[in-house]
Every structure is written in C-alpha cells, then in structure tokens.
Amino acid sequence: MINKQKSDLDKDGSLSPYEKRRGMAIAKAMADRNGAKKGGFIQKAIKKPGALRKSLGVKKGKTIPAGKLRAAAKKSGKLGQRARLAITLKKLRKK
C-alpha cells in the first residue's frame, strides 16, 4: 500500500514516523481518488431542480431568456446563486 521509495524523503533507507504517516495519508488519498465514481457531481450540486425557473416565472419546457438570467445573477440570496450557477453550467455545455 505505501510506496517506501517515494515516502523516504531524506533518502536514508528507513522511514521515520513522519514519513510513514505521510506515505499512508497519500496512499489513502490516492485509493479514495482511484475508487471514486466518476461523474454526477453537477447533478448533486443542484438540490432543487426547477427552482430557478419557478422563481423567474418561466413556464416548464421554455428556456430562460439570457437577459432575465443575467439580471437574476446580479441579485443576492438563493436566486442570485442559482442564476450564477446556471450561467456557469451553460458555459460547460458541449456545442
């Protein structure tokens, strides 16, 4: 699990307690990272789908006008946060 060659920072051939702990922490982080499920993080970021559309008064199935979205992004609170996230996600779309 721990890579002794990479963990030996001072290259003296033995691992100090600090080097052992550091190596274990890195190995654990890499194992968590490699075993993580890919994708789906954006879907989890949106807790209430449709809330922005509803608060802006846009009917379901219609697109939110860009001007309305920009105006909402300037506001504070949840409405502004949701609008700014929508603008960011719009930039991520593949064309």
Protein backbone atom coordinates (compact mmCIF):
# COMPACT_ATOMS: atom_id res chain seq x y z
CA MET A 1 0.00 0.00 0.00
CA ILE A 2 2.69 2.51 0.96
CA ASN A 3 5.47 3.18 -1.55
CA LYS A 4 8.63 3.11 0.57
CA GLN A 5 10.89 4.63 -2.07
CA LYS A 6 8.64 7.64 -2.62
CA SER A 7 7.87 8.01 1.09
CA ASP A 8 11.56 8.17 2.09
CA LEU A 9 12.03 11.94 1.84
CA ASP A 10 15.59 12.14 3.15
CA LYS A 11 16.71 9.05 1.18
CA ASP A 12 18.37 7.40 4.19
CA GLY A 13 16.83 3.97 3.53
CA SER A 14 14.50 3.96 6.55
CA LEU A 15 11.16 5.63 7.15
CA SER A 16 10.74 7.99 10.06
CA PRO A 17 7.34 8.08 11.82
CA TYR A 18 6.53 11.30 9.92
CA GLU A 19 7.41 9.71 6.57
CA LYS A 20 5.27 6.66 7.41
CA ARG A 21 2.24 8.78 8.34
CA ARG A 22 2.70 10.97 5.26
CA GLY A 23 3.05 7.94 2.99
CA MET A 24 -0.06 6.31 4.46
CA ALA A 25 -2.06 9.52 4.04
CA ILE A 26 -1.00 9.85 0.40
CA ALA A 27 -1.76 6.18 -0.29
CA LYS A 28 -5.21 6.52 1.30
CA ALA A 29 -5.98 9.66 -0.70
CA MET A 30 -4.91 8.00 -3.93
CA ALA A 31 -7.00 4.91 -3.18
CA ASP A 32 -10.06 7.08 -2.48
CA ARG A 33 -9.42 9.03 -5.65
CA ASN A 34 -8.99 5.95 -7.83
CA GLY A 35 -12.06 4.22 -6.43
CA ALA A 36 -14.31 7.26 -6.72
CA LYS A 37 -17.27 7.13 -9.05
CA LYS A 38 -16.74 9.41 -12.00
CA GLY A 39 -19.35 11.98 -12.97
CA GLY A 40 -22.59 13.04 -11.38
CA PHE A 41 -21.11 15.81 -9.25
CA ILE A 42 -23.07 18.54 -11.04
CA GLN A 43 -26.36 16.70 -10.59
CA LYS A 44 -25.64 16.52 -6.87
CA ALA A 45 -24.87 20.25 -6.76
CA ILE A 46 -28.41 21.10 -7.88
CA LYS A 47 -30.58 20.40 -4.85
CA LYS A 48 -33.89 21.77 -6.18
CA PRO A 49 -34.22 21.33 -9.94
CA GLY A 50 -36.61 23.85 -11.45
CA ALA A 51 -36.44 26.29 -8.54
CA LEU A 52 -34.72 28.99 -10.63
CA ARG A 53 -37.27 28.65 -13.43
CA LYS A 54 -40.14 28.82 -10.99
CA SER A 55 -38.80 31.89 -9.17
CA LEU A 56 -38.26 33.69 -12.50
CA GLY A 57 -41.78 32.85 -13.66
CA VAL A 58 -40.75 30.90 -16.75
CA LYS A 59 -43.02 28.04 -17.79
CA LYS A 60 -41.73 24.48 -17.72
CA GLY A 61 -40.28 23.46 -21.07
CA LYS A 62 -39.37 27.03 -22.08
CA THR A 63 -35.83 28.36 -21.96
CA ILE A 64 -34.94 31.13 -19.53
CA PRO A 65 -34.15 34.31 -21.50
CA ALA A 66 -30.48 35.34 -21.24
CA GLY A 67 -31.36 38.87 -20.12
CA LYS A 68 -33.57 37.58 -17.33
CA LEU A 69 -30.83 35.19 -16.24
CA ARG A 70 -28.18 37.94 -16.18
CA ALA A 71 -30.49 40.24 -14.20
CA ALA A 72 -31.18 37.48 -11.67
CA ALA A 73 -27.44 36.74 -11.36
CA LYS A 74 -26.87 40.27 -10.03
CA LYS A 75 -29.29 39.73 -7.17
CA SER A 76 -28.29 38.39 -3.78
CA GLY A 77 -29.53 35.32 -1.97
CA LYS A 78 -30.55 31.96 -3.39
CA LEU A 79 -31.99 33.44 -6.59
CA GLY A 80 -28.65 35.06 -7.45
CA GLN A 81 -26.71 31.92 -6.53
CA ARG A 82 -28.91 29.73 -8.70
CA ALA A 83 -28.70 32.13 -11.62
CA ARG A 84 -24.90 32.35 -11.40
CA LEU A 85 -24.66 28.55 -11.27
CA ALA A 86 -26.94 28.31 -14.32
CA ILE A 87 -24.69 30.73 -16.23
CA THR A 88 -21.62 28.69 -15.27
CA LEU A 89 -23.23 25.40 -16.27
CA LYS A 90 -24.35 26.94 -19.55
CA LYS A 91 -20.68 27.58 -20.36
CA LEU A 92 -19.84 23.90 -19.73
CA ARG A 93 -22.31 22.60 -22.33
CA LYS A 94 -20.82 20.96 -25.40
CA LYS A 95 -21.71 22.75 -28.60
